[in-house]
Amino acid sequence: MKKLTISFFLGFVCLAVLGSVFANFVYLPKFAEWHQLHPEVVRATLDPLSGALQAIIQLVGLVLLVNMIKMTKWINGFLFGAIYSAGIWLIVDLNLLSLTTLIDYNYVALDALISAFLGGVAGATVTWSQNRFA
């Protein structure tokens, strides 16, 4: 249980730091643009609770899966985390794309790449920490 708690904490810190960078330079400007175009649909300020819950749920899944798979190499954790995270966000974004005209394929591709990077770093961090603190 100790290794799971430590790997969750380190993964959360990692995602919080990197996620903040991408949020400030990519996502928040895009959301502001969407709010200007569709103020009745897109909030002027994001709901931080839903974003935090999403990150926690996604990270809990990653921590448990890495533990169940018994991954030992951080590079495998990176690849697994990248596929896991990009897969989740491709499903969400493609669903949103099919329901609205708010986003386009360029946004889906950009979000998938950013999600893969963030998930890869989190996967590598979780894998390393689970082996280090086993």
N, C-alpha and C. Protein backbone atom coordinates (compact mmCIF):
# COMPACT_ATOMS: atom_id res chain seq x y z
N MET A 1 0.82 -1.20 0.00
CA MET A 1 0.00 0.00 0.00
C MET A 1 0.87 1.27 0.00
N LYS A 2 2.03 1.18 0.67
CA LYS A 2 2.93 2.33 0.74
C LYS A 2 3.39 2.74 -0.65
N LYS A 3 3.77 1.77 -1.47
CA LYS A 3 4.28 2.11 -2.80
C LYS A 3 3.18 2.71 -3.67
N LEU A 4 1.95 2.27 -3.49
CA LEU A 4 0.84 2.83 -4.26
C LEU A 4 0.57 4.28 -3.85
N THR A 5 0.61 4.54 -2.56
CA THR A 5 0.38 5.89 -2.06
C THR A 5 1.49 6.84 -2.52
N ILE A 6 2.73 6.39 -2.41
CA ILE A 6 3.86 7.23 -2.84
C ILE A 6 3.81 7.47 -4.34
N SER A 7 3.53 6.41 -5.11
CA SER A 7 3.49 6.58 -6.57
C SER A 7 2.33 7.48 -6.99
N PHE A 8 1.19 7.40 -6.27
CA PHE A 8 0.08 8.30 -6.57
C PHE A 8 0.50 9.74 -6.29
N PHE A 9 1.10 9.97 -5.13
CA PHE A 9 1.51 11.33 -4.75
C PHE A 9 2.51 11.90 -5.76
N LEU A 10 3.53 11.13 -6.12
CA LEU A 10 4.54 11.61 -7.08
C LEU A 10 3.92 11.83 -8.45
N GLY A 11 3.05 10.93 -8.87
CA GLY A 11 2.36 11.10 -10.14
C GLY A 11 1.48 12.33 -10.14
N PHE A 12 0.81 12.59 -9.02
CA PHE A 12 -0.06 13.77 -8.92
C PHE A 12 0.75 15.05 -9.00
N VAL A 13 1.86 15.09 -8.29
CA VAL A 13 2.73 16.28 -8.35
C VAL A 13 3.23 16.49 -9.78
N CYS A 14 3.65 15.41 -10.40
CA CYS A 14 4.15 15.48 -11.77
C CYS A 14 3.07 16.02 -12.71
N LEU A 15 1.86 15.47 -12.62
CA LEU A 15 0.77 15.92 -13.49
C LEU A 15 0.35 17.35 -13.16
N ALA A 16 0.38 17.72 -11.90
CA ALA A 16 -0.01 19.08 -11.52
C ALA A 16 0.96 20.11 -12.11
N VAL A 17 2.24 19.82 -12.02
CA VAL A 17 3.24 20.77 -12.53
C VAL A 17 3.18 20.86 -14.05
N LEU A 18 3.29 19.72 -14.72
CA LEU A 18 3.26 19.73 -16.18
C LEU A 18 1.91 20.16 -16.72
N GLY A 19 0.84 19.71 -16.07
CA GLY A 19 -0.50 20.08 -16.50
C GLY A 19 -0.73 21.57 -16.40
N SER A 20 -0.18 22.20 -15.38
CA SER A 20 -0.31 23.65 -15.22
C SER A 20 0.37 24.40 -16.36
N VAL A 21 1.51 23.90 -16.79
CA VAL A 21 2.22 24.55 -17.90
C VAL A 21 1.38 24.48 -19.17
N PHE A 22 0.89 23.28 -19.50
CA PHE A 22 0.08 23.15 -20.71
C PHE A 22 -1.26 23.87 -20.57
N ALA A 23 -1.82 23.89 -19.38
CA ALA A 23 -3.08 24.61 -19.17
C ALA A 23 -2.90 26.10 -19.46
N ASN A 24 -1.83 26.69 -18.93
CA ASN A 24 -1.61 28.13 -19.11
C ASN A 24 -1.28 28.53 -20.53
N PHE A 25 -0.54 27.68 -21.23
CA PHE A 25 -0.07 28.07 -22.55
C PHE A 25 -0.89 27.50 -23.71
N VAL A 26 -1.69 26.47 -23.46
CA VAL A 26 -2.46 25.85 -24.55
C VAL A 26 -3.96 25.88 -24.27
N TYR A 27 -4.36 25.25 -23.18
CA TYR A 27 -5.78 25.04 -22.94
C TYR A 27 -6.54 26.30 -22.55
N LEU A 28 -6.05 27.06 -21.60
CA LEU A 28 -6.78 28.25 -21.16
C LEU A 28 -6.99 29.28 -22.28
N PRO A 29 -5.97 29.54 -23.12
CA PRO A 29 -6.23 30.44 -24.25
C PRO A 29 -7.29 29.89 -25.22
N LYS A 30 -7.26 28.58 -25.43
CA LYS A 30 -8.25 27.97 -26.32
C LYS A 30 -9.65 28.07 -25.71
N PHE A 31 -9.77 27.80 -24.40
CA PHE A 31 -11.06 27.88 -23.74
C PHE A 31 -11.59 29.32 -23.74
N ALA A 32 -10.71 30.29 -23.58
CA ALA A 32 -11.13 31.70 -23.64
C ALA A 32 -11.67 32.04 -25.02
N GLU A 33 -11.02 31.52 -26.04
CA GLU A 33 -11.50 31.72 -27.42
C GLU A 33 -12.88 31.11 -27.59
N TRP A 34 -13.07 29.90 -27.08
CA TRP A 34 -14.38 29.24 -27.18
C TRP A 34 -15.44 30.00 -26.40
N HIS A 35 -15.06 30.56 -25.24
CA HIS A 35 -16.01 31.32 -24.45
C HIS A 35 -16.47 32.57 -25.21
N GLN A 36 -15.55 33.22 -25.90
CA GLN A 36 -15.92 34.40 -26.69
C GLN A 36 -16.91 34.03 -27.80
N LEU A 37 -16.71 32.87 -28.40
CA LEU A 37 -17.59 32.44 -29.49
C LEU A 37 -18.93 31.90 -28.99
N HIS A 38 -18.90 31.24 -27.85
CA HIS A 38 -20.10 30.56 -27.33
C HIS A 38 -20.22 30.78 -25.81
N PRO A 39 -20.50 32.02 -25.38
CA PRO A 39 -20.53 32.29 -23.93
C PRO A 39 -21.63 31.53 -23.19
N GLU A 40 -22.68 31.13 -23.89
CA GLU A 40 -23.75 30.38 -23.24
C GLU A 40 -23.40 28.91 -23.04
N VAL A 41 -22.35 28.45 -23.67
CA VAL A 41 -21.97 27.04 -23.60
C VAL A 41 -20.68 26.82 -22.83
N VAL A 42 -19.69 27.66 -23.05
CA VAL A 42 -18.37 27.50 -22.44
C VAL A 42 -18.24 28.50 -21.29
N ARG A 43 -17.86 28.00 -20.13
CA ARG A 43 -17.71 28.85 -18.93
C ARG A 43 -16.56 29.84 -19.10
N ALA A 44 -16.72 30.98 -18.47
CA ALA A 44 -15.64 31.97 -18.47
C ALA A 44 -14.49 31.51 -17.59
N THR A 45 -14.81 30.85 -16.49
CA THR A 45 -13.78 30.26 -15.62
C THR A 45 -14.07 28.77 -15.48
N LEU A 46 -13.03 28.01 -15.49
CA LEU A 46 -13.19 26.56 -15.42
C LEU A 46 -13.60 26.11 -14.03
N ASP A 47 -14.27 24.99 -13.97
CA ASP A 47 -14.63 24.38 -12.69
C ASP A 47 -13.44 23.54 -12.22
N PRO A 48 -12.70 23.99 -11.20
CA PRO A 48 -11.50 23.26 -10.79
C PRO A 48 -11.82 21.90 -10.17
N LEU A 49 -12.98 21.73 -9.57
CA LEU A 49 -13.32 20.46 -8.94
C LEU A 49 -13.44 19.35 -9.97
N SER A 50 -14.11 19.60 -11.08
CA SER A 50 -14.25 18.55 -12.09
C SER A 50 -12.91 18.18 -12.70
N GLY A 51 -12.05 19.17 -12.91
CA GLY A 51 -10.72 18.88 -13.44
C GLY A 51 -9.87 18.08 -12.48
N ALA A 52 -9.93 18.42 -11.20
CA ALA A 52 -9.18 17.67 -10.18
C ALA A 52 -9.70 16.25 -10.05
N LEU A 53 -11.01 16.09 -10.06
CA LEU A 53 -11.58 14.73 -9.97
C LEU A 53 -11.19 13.88 -11.16
N GLN A 54 -11.23 14.47 -12.33
CA GLN A 54 -10.82 13.74 -13.54
C GLN A 54 -9.37 13.29 -13.43
N ALA A 55 -8.49 14.18 -12.99
CA ALA A 55 -7.08 13.84 -12.87
C ALA A 55 -6.86 12.74 -11.83
N ILE A 56 -7.58 12.83 -10.72
CA ILE A 56 -7.43 11.82 -9.66
C ILE A 56 -7.92 10.46 -10.15
N ILE A 57 -9.07 10.42 -10.81
CA ILE A 57 -9.60 9.15 -11.32
C ILE A 57 -8.65 8.54 -12.35
N GLN A 58 -8.17 9.36 -13.26
CA GLN A 58 -7.24 8.88 -14.29
C GLN A 58 -5.95 8.37 -13.65
N LEU A 59 -5.44 9.07 -12.67
CA LEU A 59 -4.19 8.68 -12.02
C LEU A 59 -4.35 7.43 -11.17
N VAL A 60 -5.47 7.29 -10.47
CA VAL A 60 -5.73 6.07 -9.69
C VAL A 60 -5.72 4.87 -10.63
N GLY A 61 -6.38 5.00 -11.78
CA GLY A 61 -6.38 3.92 -12.77
C GLY A 61 -4.97 3.58 -13.23
N LEU A 62 -4.17 4.59 -13.50
CA LEU A 62 -2.80 4.36 -13.96
C LEU A 62 -1.97 3.68 -12.89
N VAL A 63 -2.07 4.14 -11.66
CA VAL A 63 -1.31 3.56 -10.54
C VAL A 63 -1.69 2.09 -10.36
N LEU A 64 -2.97 1.80 -10.36
CA LEU A 64 -3.41 0.42 -10.16
C LEU A 64 -3.02 -0.48 -11.32
N LEU A 65 -3.15 0.01 -12.55
CA LEU A 65 -2.78 -0.81 -13.71
C LEU A 65 -1.28 -1.09 -13.75
N VAL A 66 -0.47 -0.08 -13.49
CA VAL A 66 0.99 -0.30 -13.47
C VAL A 66 1.33 -1.34 -12.40
N ASN A 67 0.68 -1.26 -11.26
CA ASN A 67 0.92 -2.22 -10.19
C ASN A 67 0.48 -3.63 -10.60
N MET A 68 -0.68 -3.75 -11.21
CA MET A 68 -1.19 -5.06 -11.62
C MET A 68 -0.33 -5.70 -12.71
N ILE A 69 0.17 -4.88 -13.61
CA ILE A 69 1.00 -5.39 -14.72
C ILE A 69 2.40 -5.74 -14.22
N LYS A 70 2.80 -5.18 -13.08
CA LYS A 70 4.13 -5.41 -12.50
C LYS A 70 5.23 -4.88 -13.43
N MET A 71 5.01 -3.68 -13.91
CA MET A 71 5.97 -3.06 -14.80
C MET A 71 7.25 -2.73 -14.03
N THR A 72 8.40 -2.94 -14.65
CA THR A 72 9.67 -2.70 -13.96
C THR A 72 10.53 -1.61 -14.61
N LYS A 73 10.38 -1.38 -15.90
CA LYS A 73 11.20 -0.39 -16.59
C LYS A 73 10.41 0.90 -16.80
N TRP A 74 11.05 2.03 -16.47
CA TRP A 74 10.36 3.31 -16.58
C TRP A 74 9.97 3.62 -18.01
N ILE A 75 10.75 3.16 -19.00
CA ILE A 75 10.40 3.43 -20.41
C ILE A 75 9.11 2.72 -20.78
N ASN A 76 8.90 1.52 -20.26
CA ASN A 76 7.63 0.82 -20.49
C ASN A 76 6.49 1.56 -19.81
N GLY A 77 6.76 2.11 -18.63
CA GLY A 77 5.76 2.92 -17.94
C GLY A 77 5.41 4.16 -18.74
N PHE A 78 6.43 4.77 -19.36
CA PHE A 78 6.19 5.93 -20.20
C PHE A 78 5.28 5.58 -21.37
N LEU A 79 5.62 4.50 -22.06
CA LEU A 79 4.81 4.08 -23.22
C LEU A 79 3.39 3.71 -22.81
N PHE A 80 3.26 2.96 -21.71
CA PHE A 80 1.94 2.56 -21.24
C PHE A 80 1.13 3.79 -20.84
N GLY A 81 1.73 4.70 -20.08
CA GLY A 81 1.03 5.91 -19.66
C GLY A 81 0.61 6.78 -20.83
N ALA A 82 1.47 6.85 -21.85
CA ALA A 82 1.14 7.64 -23.04
C ALA A 82 -0.06 7.06 -23.77
N ILE A 83 -0.06 5.76 -23.96
CA ILE A 83 -1.18 5.11 -24.65
C ILE A 83 -2.45 5.20 -23.82
N TYR A 84 -2.33 4.96 -22.52
CA TYR A 84 -3.48 5.03 -21.60
C TYR A 84 -4.11 6.42 -21.62
N SER A 85 -3.31 7.44 -21.47
CA SER A 85 -3.82 8.80 -21.39
C SER A 85 -4.35 9.30 -22.73
N ALA A 86 -3.59 9.07 -23.79
CA ALA A 86 -4.05 9.49 -25.12
C ALA A 86 -5.35 8.76 -25.49
N GLY A 87 -5.44 7.49 -25.12
CA GLY A 87 -6.66 6.73 -25.41
C GLY A 87 -7.88 7.30 -24.72
N ILE A 88 -7.72 7.63 -23.45
CA ILE A 88 -8.84 8.22 -22.70
C ILE A 88 -9.29 9.52 -23.36
N TRP A 89 -8.35 10.39 -23.66
CA TRP A 89 -8.72 11.71 -24.18
C TRP A 89 -9.13 11.67 -25.64
N LEU A 90 -8.66 10.69 -26.39
CA LEU A 90 -9.19 10.53 -27.75
C LEU A 90 -10.67 10.14 -27.70
N ILE A 91 -11.03 9.26 -26.79
CA ILE A 91 -12.43 8.88 -26.64
C ILE A 91 -13.28 10.10 -26.28
N VAL A 92 -12.83 10.85 -25.29
CA VAL A 92 -13.58 12.04 -24.86
C VAL A 92 -13.68 13.06 -25.99
N ASP A 93 -12.56 13.39 -26.61
CA ASP A 93 -12.55 14.43 -27.64
C ASP A 93 -13.32 14.01 -28.89
N LEU A 94 -13.18 12.76 -29.31
CA LEU A 94 -13.92 12.32 -30.49
C LEU A 94 -15.42 12.28 -30.22
N ASN A 95 -15.79 11.95 -28.99
CA ASN A 95 -17.20 12.00 -28.63
C ASN A 95 -17.70 13.44 -28.68
N LEU A 96 -16.92 14.36 -28.12
CA LEU A 96 -17.29 15.78 -28.16
C LEU A 96 -17.36 16.29 -29.60
N LEU A 97 -16.44 15.84 -30.42
CA LEU A 97 -16.42 16.23 -31.83
C LEU A 97 -17.68 15.75 -32.55
N SER A 98 -18.14 14.56 -32.21
CA SER A 98 -19.34 14.03 -32.86
C SER A 98 -20.62 14.73 -32.39
N LEU A 99 -20.58 15.36 -31.21
CA LEU A 99 -21.77 15.98 -30.64
C LEU A 99 -21.87 17.48 -30.89
N THR A 100 -20.73 18.13 -31.11
CA THR A 100 -20.74 19.59 -31.21
C THR A 100 -19.88 20.06 -32.39
N THR A 101 -19.97 21.34 -32.65
CA THR A 101 -19.08 21.97 -33.63
C THR A 101 -18.01 22.80 -32.92
N LEU A 102 -17.91 22.61 -31.62
CA LEU A 102 -16.99 23.40 -30.80
C LEU A 102 -15.53 23.11 -31.11
N ILE A 103 -15.19 21.84 -31.32
CA ILE A 103 -13.80 21.47 -31.57
C ILE A 103 -13.65 20.91 -32.97
N ASP A 104 -12.41 20.81 -33.41
CA ASP A 104 -12.13 20.23 -34.72
C ASP A 104 -11.04 19.16 -34.57
N TYR A 105 -10.68 18.52 -35.66
CA TYR A 105 -9.68 17.46 -35.61
C TYR A 105 -8.30 17.97 -35.21
N ASN A 106 -8.00 19.21 -35.50
CA ASN A 106 -6.72 19.78 -35.07
C ASN A 106 -6.62 19.80 -33.55
N TYR A 107 -7.72 20.21 -32.89
CA TYR A 107 -7.73 20.22 -31.43
C TYR A 107 -7.62 18.79 -30.89
N VAL A 108 -8.33 17.86 -31.50
CA VAL A 108 -8.28 16.46 -31.05
C VAL A 108 -6.85 15.94 -31.13
N ALA A 109 -6.17 16.21 -32.24
CA ALA A 109 -4.79 15.76 -32.41
C ALA A 109 -3.85 16.41 -31.39
N LEU A 110 -4.00 17.72 -31.20
CA LEU A 110 -3.15 18.43 -30.23
C LEU A 110 -3.38 17.91 -28.82
N ASP A 111 -4.63 17.71 -28.45
CA ASP A 111 -4.95 17.22 -27.12
C ASP A 111 -4.43 15.79 -26.92
N ALA A 112 -4.52 14.98 -27.95
CA ALA A 112 -4.00 13.61 -27.86
C ALA A 112 -2.49 13.61 -27.65
N LEU A 113 -1.78 14.47 -28.35
CA LEU A 113 -0.32 14.55 -28.20
C LEU A 113 0.08 15.05 -26.81
N ILE A 114 -0.59 16.10 -26.35
CA ILE A 114 -0.29 16.61 -25.02
C ILE A 114 -0.64 15.57 -23.96
N SER A 115 -1.79 14.93 -24.11
CA SER A 115 -2.21 13.90 -23.15
C SER A 115 -1.24 12.72 -23.15
N ALA A 116 -0.75 12.35 -24.32
CA ALA A 116 0.22 11.26 -24.39
C ALA A 116 1.51 11.64 -23.66
N PHE A 117 1.97 12.86 -23.85
CA PHE A 117 3.18 13.30 -23.15
C PHE A 117 2.97 13.31 -21.64
N LEU A 118 1.88 13.94 -21.19
CA LEU A 118 1.60 13.99 -19.75
C LEU A 118 1.43 12.59 -19.17
N GLY A 119 0.68 11.75 -19.85
CA GLY A 119 0.47 10.38 -19.39
C GLY A 119 1.76 9.57 -19.39
N GLY A 120 2.61 9.83 -20.39
CA GLY A 120 3.89 9.12 -20.45
C GLY A 120 4.79 9.48 -19.29
N VAL A 121 4.88 10.76 -18.99
CA VAL A 121 5.71 11.19 -17.86
C VAL A 121 5.14 10.64 -16.55
N ALA A 122 3.81 10.69 -16.41
CA ALA A 122 3.18 10.14 -15.20
C ALA A 122 3.41 8.63 -15.12
N GLY A 123 3.29 7.94 -16.24
CA GLY A 123 3.51 6.49 -16.25
C GLY A 123 4.94 6.12 -15.88
N ALA A 124 5.90 6.88 -16.39
CA ALA A 124 7.30 6.64 -16.05
C ALA A 124 7.54 6.90 -14.56
N THR A 125 6.96 7.99 -14.05
CA THR A 125 7.11 8.35 -12.64
C THR A 125 6.50 7.29 -11.74
N VAL A 126 5.30 6.85 -12.07
CA VAL A 126 4.61 5.83 -11.27
C VAL A 126 5.38 4.50 -11.31
N THR A 127 5.84 4.11 -12.48
CA THR A 127 6.60 2.86 -12.61
C THR A 127 7.89 2.93 -11.80
N TRP A 128 8.63 4.02 -11.95
CA TRP A 128 9.87 4.18 -11.20
C TRP A 128 9.61 4.12 -9.71
N SER A 129 8.60 4.86 -9.24
CA SER A 129 8.36 4.93 -7.79
C SER A 129 7.85 3.61 -7.23
N GLN A 130 7.05 2.89 -8.00
CA GLN A 130 6.58 1.60 -7.48
C GLN A 130 7.71 0.60 -7.35
N ASN A 131 8.71 0.69 -8.21
CA ASN A 131 9.87 -0.19 -8.09
C ASN A 131 10.84 0.31 -7.02
N ARG A 132 10.95 1.60 -6.89
CA ARG A 132 11.86 2.18 -5.90
C ARG A 132 11.36 1.97 -4.47
N PHE A 133 10.06 2.08 -4.26
CA PHE A 133 9.51 2.00 -2.91
C PHE A 133 8.76 0.70 -2.64
N ALA A 134 9.08 -0.35 -3.39
CA ALA A 134 8.42 -1.65 -3.21
C ALA A 134 8.76 -2.27 -1.87
